[in-house]
Amino acid sequence: MSNWNDLNWIRASDNPDEECIEVAAGEGDLIHIRQTDDPENVVTTTQAKWKAFVLGVQNDEFDHFVEGIEGIEGAEGAQEAEEAGSKP
């Protein structure tokens, strides 16, 4: 796809001044992902893979990526729960 601006991008943040991830459905079963600070750099996947990723996020399967990062809501609680041997 050459004109990414034709897609309906959904921002991860309501703040228009905040850099964030955007997601858009494309033709067929394609899902496109980009960062607002680099909108021409687009990653494309399928709806099935996107759904698997979203379900993994919902099930806390990626919490280890944000452990120890200050300012990320829930990161400290996830780390404390993991150290205690349970999920938050």
PDB file of N, CA and C in Angstrom:
ATOM      1  N   MET A   1       0.854  -1.185   0.000  1.00  0.00           N
ATOM      2  CA  MET A   1       0.000   0.000   0.000  1.00  0.00           C
ATOM      3  C   MET A   1       0.885   1.228   0.000  1.00  0.00           C
ATOM      4  N   SER A   2       0.550   2.184  -0.796  1.00  0.00           N
ATOM      5  CA  SER A   2       1.398   3.366  -0.912  1.00  0.00           C
ATOM      6  C   SER A   2       0.871   4.573  -0.154  1.00  0.00           C
ATOM      7  N   ASN A   3      -0.446   4.668   0.057  1.00  0.00           N
ATOM      8  CA  ASN A   3      -1.001   5.817   0.769  1.00  0.00           C
ATOM      9  C   ASN A   3      -1.632   5.367   2.085  1.00  0.00           C
ATOM     10  N   TRP A   4      -0.815   5.370   3.115  1.00  0.00           N
ATOM     11  CA  TRP A   4      -1.287   4.935   4.435  1.00  0.00           C
ATOM     12  C   TRP A   4      -2.332   5.880   5.007  1.00  0.00           C
ATOM     13  N   ASN A   5      -2.378   7.117   4.527  1.00  0.00           N
ATOM     14  CA  ASN A   5      -3.335   8.097   5.057  1.00  0.00           C
ATOM     15  C   ASN A   5      -4.781   7.775   4.698  1.00  0.00           C
ATOM     16  N   ASP A   6      -5.004   6.869   3.749  1.00  0.00           N
ATOM     17  CA  ASP A   6      -6.368   6.481   3.393  1.00  0.00           C
ATOM     18  C   ASP A   6      -6.996   5.543   4.420  1.00  0.00           C
ATOM     19  N   LEU A   7      -6.184   4.993   5.325  1.00  0.00           N
ATOM     20  CA  LEU A   7      -6.703   4.065   6.337  1.00  0.00           C
ATOM     21  C   LEU A   7      -7.254   4.822   7.540  1.00  0.00           C
ATOM     22  N   ASN A   8      -8.121   4.160   8.283  1.00  0.00           N
ATOM     23  CA  ASN A   8      -8.688   4.715   9.510  1.00  0.00           C
ATOM     24  C   ASN A   8      -7.812   4.263  10.684  1.00  0.00           C
ATOM     25  N   TRP A   9      -6.838   5.089  11.031  1.00  0.00           N
ATOM     26  CA  TRP A   9      -5.889   4.750  12.094  1.00  0.00           C
ATOM     27  C   TRP A   9      -6.505   5.005  13.456  1.00  0.00           C
ATOM     28  N   ILE A  10      -6.355   4.040  14.365  1.00  0.00           N
ATOM     29  CA  ILE A  10      -6.846   4.163  15.740  1.00  0.00           C
ATOM     30  C   ILE A  10      -5.636   4.359  16.642  1.00  0.00           C
ATOM     31  N   ARG A  11      -5.627   5.497  17.353  1.00  0.00           N
ATOM     32  CA  ARG A  11      -4.510   5.842  18.231  1.00  0.00           C
ATOM     33  C   ARG A  11      -4.633   5.145  19.585  1.00  0.00           C
ATOM     34  N   ALA A  12      -3.496   4.802  20.169  1.00  0.00           N
ATOM     35  CA  ALA A  12      -3.475   4.201  21.500  1.00  0.00           C
ATOM     36  C   ALA A  12      -3.620   5.249  22.599  1.00  0.00           C
ATOM     37  N   SER A  13      -3.566   6.517  22.242  1.00  0.00           N
ATOM     38  CA  SER A  13      -3.685   7.606  23.204  1.00  0.00           C
ATOM     39  C   SER A  13      -4.710   8.622  22.712  1.00  0.00           C
ATOM     40  N   ASP A  14      -5.478   9.165  23.645  1.00  0.00           N
ATOM     41  CA  ASP A  14      -6.429  10.225  23.309  1.00  0.00           C
ATOM     42  C   ASP A  14      -5.752  11.581  23.179  1.00  0.00           C
ATOM     43  N   ASN A  15      -4.523  11.683  23.675  1.00  0.00           N
ATOM     44  CA  ASN A  15      -3.779  12.932  23.633  1.00  0.00           C
ATOM     45  C   ASN A  15      -3.133  13.088  22.259  1.00  0.00           C
ATOM     46  N   PRO A  16      -3.585  14.048  21.443  1.00  0.00           N
ATOM     47  CA  PRO A  16      -3.036  14.200  20.093  1.00  0.00           C
ATOM     48  C   PRO A  16      -1.566  14.622  20.066  1.00  0.00           C
ATOM     49  N   ASP A  17      -1.043  15.134  21.186  1.00  0.00           N
ATOM     50  CA  ASP A  17       0.348  15.565  21.248  1.00  0.00           C
ATOM     51  C   ASP A  17       1.289  14.455  21.717  1.00  0.00           C
ATOM     52  N   GLU A  18       0.732  13.340  22.157  1.00  0.00           N
ATOM     53  CA  GLU A  18       1.529  12.239  22.687  1.00  0.00           C
ATOM     54  C   GLU A  18       1.879  11.250  21.575  1.00  0.00           C
ATOM     55  N   GLU A  19       3.164  10.881  21.498  1.00  0.00           N
ATOM     56  CA  GLU A  19       3.572   9.861  20.539  1.00  0.00           C
ATOM     57  C   GLU A  19       3.043   8.517  21.031  1.00  0.00           C
ATOM     58  N   CYS A  20       2.508   7.715  20.094  1.00  0.00           N
ATOM     59  CA  CYS A  20       1.937   6.440  20.477  1.00  0.00           C
ATOM     60  C   CYS A  20       1.863   5.512  19.276  1.00  0.00           C
ATOM     61  N   ILE A  21       1.331   4.357  19.499  1.00  0.00           N
ATOM     62  CA  ILE A  21       1.102   3.365  18.448  1.00  0.00           C
ATOM     63  C   ILE A  21      -0.269   3.615  17.830  1.00  0.00           C
ATOM     64  N   GLU A  22      -0.379   3.372  16.522  1.00  0.00           N
ATOM     65  CA  GLU A  22      -1.661   3.438  15.824  1.00  0.00           C
ATOM     66  C   GLU A  22      -1.879   2.110  15.095  1.00  0.00           C
ATOM     67  N   VAL A  23      -3.135   1.690  15.000  1.00  0.00           N
ATOM     68  CA  VAL A  23      -3.496   0.442  14.338  1.00  0.00           C
ATOM     69  C   VAL A  23      -4.604   0.732  13.336  1.00  0.00           C
ATOM     70  N   ALA A  24      -4.546   0.071  12.178  1.00  0.00           N
ATOM     71  CA  ALA A  24      -5.584   0.241  11.160  1.00  0.00           C
ATOM     72  C   ALA A  24      -5.839  -1.091  10.459  1.00  0.00           C
ATOM     73  N   ALA A  25      -7.106  -1.349  10.158  1.00  0.00           N
ATOM     74  CA  ALA A  25      -7.465  -2.522   9.358  1.00  0.00           C
ATOM     75  C   ALA A  25      -7.231  -2.174   7.891  1.00  0.00           C
ATOM     76  N   GLY A  26      -6.652  -3.109   7.164  1.00  0.00           N
ATOM     77  CA  GLY A  26      -6.382  -2.895   5.747  1.00  0.00           C
ATOM     78  C   GLY A  26      -7.251  -3.791   4.885  1.00  0.00           C
ATOM     79  N   GLU A  27      -6.841  -3.965   3.663  1.00  0.00           N
ATOM     80  CA  GLU A  27      -7.580  -4.819   2.744  1.00  0.00           C
ATOM     81  C   GLU A  27      -7.527  -6.275   3.203  1.00  0.00           C
ATOM     82  N   GLY A  28      -8.596  -7.018   2.918  1.00  0.00           N
ATOM     83  CA  GLY A  28      -8.633  -8.425   3.301  1.00  0.00           C
ATOM     84  C   GLY A  28      -8.541  -8.580   4.802  1.00  0.00           C
ATOM     85  N   ASP A  29      -7.624  -9.413   5.244  1.00  0.00           N
ATOM     86  CA  ASP A  29      -7.479  -9.636   6.693  1.00  0.00           C
ATOM     87  C   ASP A  29      -6.216  -8.991   7.249  1.00  0.00           C
ATOM     88  N   LEU A  30      -5.743  -7.926   6.611  1.00  0.00           N
ATOM     89  CA  LEU A  30      -4.499  -7.288   7.040  1.00  0.00           C
ATOM     90  C   LEU A  30      -4.716  -6.251   8.133  1.00  0.00           C
ATOM     91  N   ILE A  31      -3.777  -6.207   9.067  1.00  0.00           N
ATOM     92  CA  ILE A  31      -3.741  -5.215  10.139  1.00  0.00           C
ATOM     93  C   ILE A  31      -2.407  -4.486  10.034  1.00  0.00           C
ATOM     94  N   HIS A  32      -2.444  -3.153  10.079  1.00  0.00           N
ATOM     95  CA  HIS A  32      -1.244  -2.327   9.957  1.00  0.00           C
ATOM     96  C   HIS A  32      -0.992  -1.618  11.280  1.00  0.00           C
ATOM     97  N   ILE A  33       0.269  -1.540  11.665  1.00  0.00           N
ATOM     98  CA  ILE A  33       0.675  -0.938  12.932  1.00  0.00           C
ATOM     99  C   ILE A  33       1.805   0.051  12.635  1.00  0.00           C
ATOM    100  N   ARG A  34       1.747   1.220  13.271  1.00  0.00           N
ATOM    101  CA  ARG A  34       2.806   2.220  13.097  1.00  0.00           C
ATOM    102  C   ARG A  34       2.923   3.062  14.351  1.00  0.00           C
ATOM    103  N   GLN A  35       4.010   3.822  14.432  1.00  0.00           N
ATOM    104  CA  GLN A  35       4.197   4.803  15.499  1.00  0.00           C
ATOM    105  C   GLN A  35       3.884   6.172  14.934  1.00  0.00           C
ATOM    106  N   THR A  36       3.284   7.023  15.751  1.00  0.00           N
ATOM    107  CA  THR A  36       2.894   8.345  15.267  1.00  0.00           C
ATOM    108  C   THR A  36       4.101   9.203  14.890  1.00  0.00           C
ATOM    109  N   ASP A  37       5.266   8.946  15.492  1.00  0.00           N
ATOM    110  CA  ASP A  37       6.439   9.755  15.170  1.00  0.00           C
ATOM    111  C   ASP A  37       7.178   9.243  13.929  1.00  0.00           C
ATOM    112  N   ASP A  38       6.711   8.130  13.338  1.00  0.00           N
ATOM    113  CA  ASP A  38       7.318   7.579  12.125  1.00  0.00           C
ATOM    114  C   ASP A  38       6.229   6.904  11.286  1.00  0.00           C
ATOM    115  N   PRO A  39       5.271   7.672  10.794  1.00  0.00           N
ATOM    116  CA  PRO A  39       4.069   7.097  10.172  1.00  0.00           C
ATOM    117  C   PRO A  39       4.301   6.352   8.863  1.00  0.00           C
ATOM    118  N   GLU A  40       5.446   6.520   8.223  1.00  0.00           N
ATOM    119  CA  GLU A  40       5.711   5.797   6.978  1.00  0.00           C
ATOM    120  C   GLU A  40       6.306   4.410   7.225  1.00  0.00           C
ATOM    121  N   ASN A  41       6.742   4.160   8.454  1.00  0.00           N
ATOM    122  CA  ASN A  41       7.298   2.862   8.820  1.00  0.00           C
ATOM    123  C   ASN A  41       6.156   2.007   9.386  1.00  0.00           C
ATOM    124  N   VAL A  42       5.560   1.171   8.554  1.00  0.00           N
ATOM    125  CA  VAL A  42       4.364   0.414   8.914  1.00  0.00           C
ATOM    126  C   VAL A  42       4.675  -1.075   8.944  1.00  0.00           C
ATOM    127  N   VAL A  43       4.227  -1.738   9.996  1.00  0.00           N
ATOM    128  CA  VAL A  43       4.333  -3.190  10.118  1.00  0.00           C
ATOM    129  C   VAL A  43       2.967  -3.770   9.793  1.00  0.00           C
ATOM    130  N   THR A  44       2.939  -4.821   8.977  1.00  0.00           N
ATOM    131  CA  THR A  44       1.678  -5.429   8.578  1.00  0.00           C
ATOM    132  C   THR A  44       1.619  -6.872   9.057  1.00  0.00           C
ATOM    133  N   THR A  45       0.475  -7.269   9.582  1.00  0.00           N
ATOM    134  CA  THR A  45       0.252  -8.634  10.045  1.00  0.00           C
ATOM    135  C   THR A  45      -1.164  -9.050   9.657  1.00  0.00           C
ATOM    136  N   THR A  46      -1.571 -10.215  10.084  1.00  0.00           N
ATOM    137  CA  THR A  46      -2.926 -10.689   9.785  1.00  0.00           C
ATOM    138  C   THR A  46      -3.824 -10.481  10.991  1.00  0.00           C
ATOM    139  N   GLN A  47      -5.122 -10.523  10.759  1.00  0.00           N
ATOM    140  CA  GLN A  47      -6.070 -10.379  11.871  1.00  0.00           C
ATOM    141  C   GLN A  47      -5.884 -11.499  12.891  1.00  0.00           C
ATOM    142  N   ALA A  48      -5.614 -12.721  12.431  1.00  0.00           N
ATOM    143  CA  ALA A  48      -5.429 -13.846  13.356  1.00  0.00           C
ATOM    144  C   ALA A  48      -4.216 -13.624  14.262  1.00  0.00           C
ATOM    145  N   LYS A  49      -3.108 -13.147  13.691  1.00  0.00           N
ATOM    146  CA  LYS A  49      -1.913 -12.895  14.498  1.00  0.00           C
ATOM    147  C   LYS A  49      -2.120 -11.702  15.428  1.00  0.00           C
ATOM    148  N   TRP A  50      -2.822 -10.683  14.964  1.00  0.00           N
ATOM    149  CA  TRP A  50      -3.121  -9.521  15.805  1.00  0.00           C
ATOM    150  C   TRP A  50      -3.994  -9.941  16.980  1.00  0.00           C
ATOM    151  N   LYS A  51      -5.008 -10.769  16.710  1.00  0.00           N
ATOM    152  CA  LYS A  51      -5.890 -11.242  17.783  1.00  0.00           C
ATOM    153  C   LYS A  51      -5.090 -12.047  18.804  1.00  0.00           C
ATOM    154  N   ALA A  52      -4.198 -12.909  18.348  1.00  0.00           N
ATOM    155  CA  ALA A  52      -3.366 -13.687  19.270  1.00  0.00           C
ATOM    156  C   ALA A  52      -2.500 -12.767  20.124  1.00  0.00           C
ATOM    157  N   PHE A  53      -1.954 -11.710  19.523  1.00  0.00           N
ATOM    158  CA  PHE A  53      -1.139 -10.752  20.275  1.00  0.00           C
ATOM    159  C   PHE A  53      -1.985 -10.032  21.326  1.00  0.00           C
ATOM    160  N   VAL A  54      -3.160  -9.539  20.933  1.00  0.00           N
ATOM    161  CA  VAL A  54      -4.034  -8.817  21.867  1.00  0.00           C
ATOM    162  C   VAL A  54      -4.442  -9.729  23.023  1.00  0.00           C
ATOM    163  N   LEU A  55      -4.783 -10.972  22.728  1.00  0.00           N
ATOM    164  CA  LEU A  55      -5.138 -11.914  23.793  1.00  0.00           C
ATOM    165  C   LEU A  55      -3.952 -12.159  24.721  1.00  0.00           C
ATOM    166  N   GLY A  56      -2.745 -12.213  24.160  1.00  0.00           N
ATOM    167  CA  GLY A  56      -1.549 -12.358  24.989  1.00  0.00           C
ATOM    168  C   GLY A  56      -1.346 -11.170  25.909  1.00  0.00           C
ATOM    169  N   VAL A  57      -1.584  -9.970  25.407  1.00  0.00           N
ATOM    170  CA  VAL A  57      -1.486  -8.772  26.243  1.00  0.00           C
ATOM    171  C   VAL A  57      -2.524  -8.829  27.365  1.00  0.00           C
ATOM    172  N   GLN A  58      -3.747  -9.190  27.026  1.00  0.00           N
ATOM    173  CA  GLN A  58      -4.814  -9.277  28.020  1.00  0.00           C
ATOM    174  C   GLN A  58      -4.507 -10.327  29.094  1.00  0.00           C
ATOM    175  N   ASN A  59      -3.752 -11.361  28.727  1.00  0.00           N
ATOM    176  CA  ASN A  59      -3.409 -12.427  29.669  1.00  0.00           C
ATOM    177  C   ASN A  59      -2.064 -12.207  30.354  1.00  0.00           C
ATOM    178  N   ASP A  60      -1.545 -10.980  30.270  1.00  0.00           N
ATOM    179  CA  ASP A  60      -0.299 -10.587  30.943  1.00  0.00           C
ATOM    180  C   ASP A  60       0.929 -11.362  30.468  1.00  0.00           C
ATOM    181  N   GLU A  61       0.900 -11.892  29.236  1.00  0.00           N
ATOM    182  CA  GLU A  61       2.019 -12.673  28.733  1.00  0.00           C
ATOM    183  C   GLU A  61       3.228 -11.837  28.351  1.00  0.00           C
ATOM    184  N   PHE A  62       3.082 -10.512  28.290  1.00  0.00           N
ATOM    185  CA  PHE A  62       4.182  -9.643  27.872  1.00  0.00           C
ATOM    186  C   PHE A  62       4.624  -8.690  28.977  1.00  0.00           C
ATOM    187  N   ASP A  63       4.163  -8.904  30.198  1.00  0.00           N
ATOM    188  CA  ASP A  63       4.487  -8.008  31.301  1.00  0.00           C
ATOM    189  C   ASP A  63       5.993  -7.902  31.552  1.00  0.00           C
ATOM    190  N   HIS A  64       6.731  -8.962  31.261  1.00  0.00           N
ATOM    191  CA  HIS A  64       8.170  -8.939  31.522  1.00  0.00           C
ATOM    192  C   HIS A  64       8.893  -7.892  30.671  1.00  0.00           C
ATOM    193  N   PHE A  65       8.277  -7.419  29.597  1.00  0.00           N
ATOM    194  CA  PHE A  65       8.896  -6.390  28.765  1.00  0.00           C
ATOM    195  C   PHE A  65       8.879  -5.018  29.436  1.00  0.00           C
ATOM    196  N   VAL A  66       8.011  -4.811  30.407  1.00  0.00           N
ATOM    197  CA  VAL A  66       7.906  -3.500  31.047  1.00  0.00           C
ATOM    198  C   VAL A  66       8.361  -3.511  32.504  1.00  0.00           C
ATOM    199  N   GLU A  67       8.899  -4.628  32.958  1.00  0.00           N
ATOM    200  CA  GLU A  67       9.373  -4.696  34.333  1.00  0.00           C
ATOM    201  C   GLU A  67      10.479  -3.678  34.567  1.00  0.00           C
ATOM    202  N   GLY A  68      10.354  -2.948  35.647  1.00  0.00           N
ATOM    203  CA  GLY A  68      11.385  -1.989  36.018  1.00  0.00           C
ATOM    204  C   GLY A  68      11.342  -0.669  35.275  1.00  0.00           C
ATOM    205  N   ILE A  69      10.380  -0.480  34.396  1.00  0.00           N
ATOM    206  CA  ILE A  69      10.269   0.778  33.664  1.00  0.00           C
ATOM    207  C   ILE A  69       9.365   1.708  34.451  1.00  0.00           C
ATOM    208  N   GLU A  70       9.914   2.809  34.907  1.00  0.00           N
ATOM    209  CA  GLU A  70       9.133   3.764  35.679  1.00  0.00           C
ATOM    210  C   GLU A  70       8.133   4.482  34.785  1.00  0.00           C
ATOM    211  N   GLY A  71       6.980   4.808  35.345  1.00  0.00           N
ATOM    212  CA  GLY A  71       5.984   5.573  34.618  1.00  0.00           C
ATOM    213  C   GLY A  71       5.027   4.730  33.806  1.00  0.00           C
ATOM    214  N   ILE A  72       5.201   3.408  33.808  1.00  0.00           N
ATOM    215  CA  ILE A  72       4.266   2.544  33.091  1.00  0.00           C
ATOM    216  C   ILE A  72       3.300   1.970  34.111  1.00  0.00           C
ATOM    217  N   GLU A  73       2.041   2.352  33.953  1.00  0.00           N
ATOM    218  CA  GLU A  73       1.007   1.929  34.881  1.00  0.00           C
ATOM    219  C   GLU A  73       0.917   0.413  34.914  1.00  0.00           C
ATOM    220  N   GLY A  74       0.971  -0.155  36.104  1.00  0.00           N
ATOM    221  CA  GLY A  74       0.839  -1.591  36.261  1.00  0.00           C
ATOM    222  C   GLY A  74       2.160  -2.340  36.231  1.00  0.00           C
ATOM    223  N   ALA A  75       3.220  -1.707  35.743  1.00  0.00           N
ATOM    224  CA  ALA A  75       4.502  -2.403  35.624  1.00  0.00           C
ATOM    225  C   ALA A  75       5.047  -2.788  36.998  1.00  0.00           C
ATOM    226  N   GLU A  76       4.947  -1.885  37.961  1.00  0.00           N
ATOM    227  CA  GLU A  76       5.452  -2.180  39.287  1.00  0.00           C
ATOM    228  C   GLU A  76       4.629  -3.278  39.945  1.00  0.00           C
ATOM    229  N   GLY A  77       3.318  -3.214  39.791  1.00  0.00           N
ATOM    230  CA  GLY A  77       2.436  -4.228  40.373  1.00  0.00           C
ATOM    231  C   GLY A  77       2.667  -5.583  39.750  1.00  0.00           C
ATOM    232  N   ALA A  78       2.906  -5.637  38.464  1.00  0.00           N
ATOM    233  CA  ALA A  78       3.164  -6.897  37.772  1.00  0.00           C
ATOM    234  C   ALA A  78       4.468  -7.508  38.270  1.00  0.00           C
ATOM    235  N   GLN A  79       5.487  -6.649  38.453  1.00  0.00           N
ATOM    236  CA  GLN A  79       6.769  -7.144  38.910  1.00  0.00           C
ATOM    237  C   GLN A  79       6.659  -7.665  40.340  1.00  0.00           C
ATOM    238  N   GLU A  80       5.966  -6.933  41.211  1.00  0.00           N
ATOM    239  CA  GLU A  80       5.799  -7.379  42.590  1.00  0.00           C
ATOM    240  C   GLU A  80       5.033  -8.688  42.656  1.00  0.00           C
ATOM    241  N   ALA A  81       3.995  -8.824  41.854  1.00  0.00           N
ATOM    242  CA  ALA A  81       3.191 -10.043  41.836  1.00  0.00           C
ATOM    243  C   ALA A  81       4.023 -11.213  41.338  1.00  0.00           C
ATOM    244  N   GLU A  82       4.860 -10.983  40.327  1.00  0.00           N
ATOM    245  CA  GLU A  82       5.693 -12.058  39.789  1.00  0.00           C
ATOM    246  C   GLU A  82       6.692 -12.514  40.852  1.00  0.00           C
ATOM    247  N   GLU A  83       7.263 -11.551  41.563  1.00  0.00           N
ATOM    248  CA  GLU A  83       8.218 -11.907  42.612  1.00  0.00           C
ATOM    249  C   GLU A  83       7.541 -12.693  43.722  1.00  0.00           C
ATOM    250  N   ALA A  84       6.251 -12.424  43.956  1.00  0.00           N
ATOM    251  CA  ALA A  84       5.498 -13.143  44.972  1.00  0.00           C
ATOM    252  C   ALA A  84       4.951 -14.470  44.444  1.00  0.00           C
ATOM    253  N   GLY A  85       5.090 -14.694  43.123  1.00  0.00           N
ATOM    254  CA  GLY A  85       4.662 -15.948  42.548  1.00  0.00           C
ATOM    255  C   GLY A  85       3.230 -15.980  42.049  1.00  0.00           C
ATOM    256  N   SER A  86       2.624 -14.795  41.825  1.00  0.00           N
ATOM    257  CA  SER A  86       1.255 -14.767  41.317  1.00  0.00           C
ATOM    258  C   SER A  86       1.103 -13.601  40.356  1.00  0.00           C
ATOM    259  N   LYS A  87      -0.008 -13.605  39.617  1.00  0.00           N
ATOM    260  CA  LYS A  87      -0.319 -12.492  38.711  1.00  0.00           C
ATOM    261  C   LYS A  87      -1.041 -11.411  39.491  1.00  0.00           C
ATOM    262  N   PRO A  88      -0.910 -10.140  39.052  1.00  0.00           N
ATOM    263  CA  PRO A  88      -1.589  -9.039  39.756  1.00  0.00           C
ATOM    264  C   PRO A  88      -3.085  -9.147  39.633  1.00  0.00           C
TER     265      PRO A  88
END
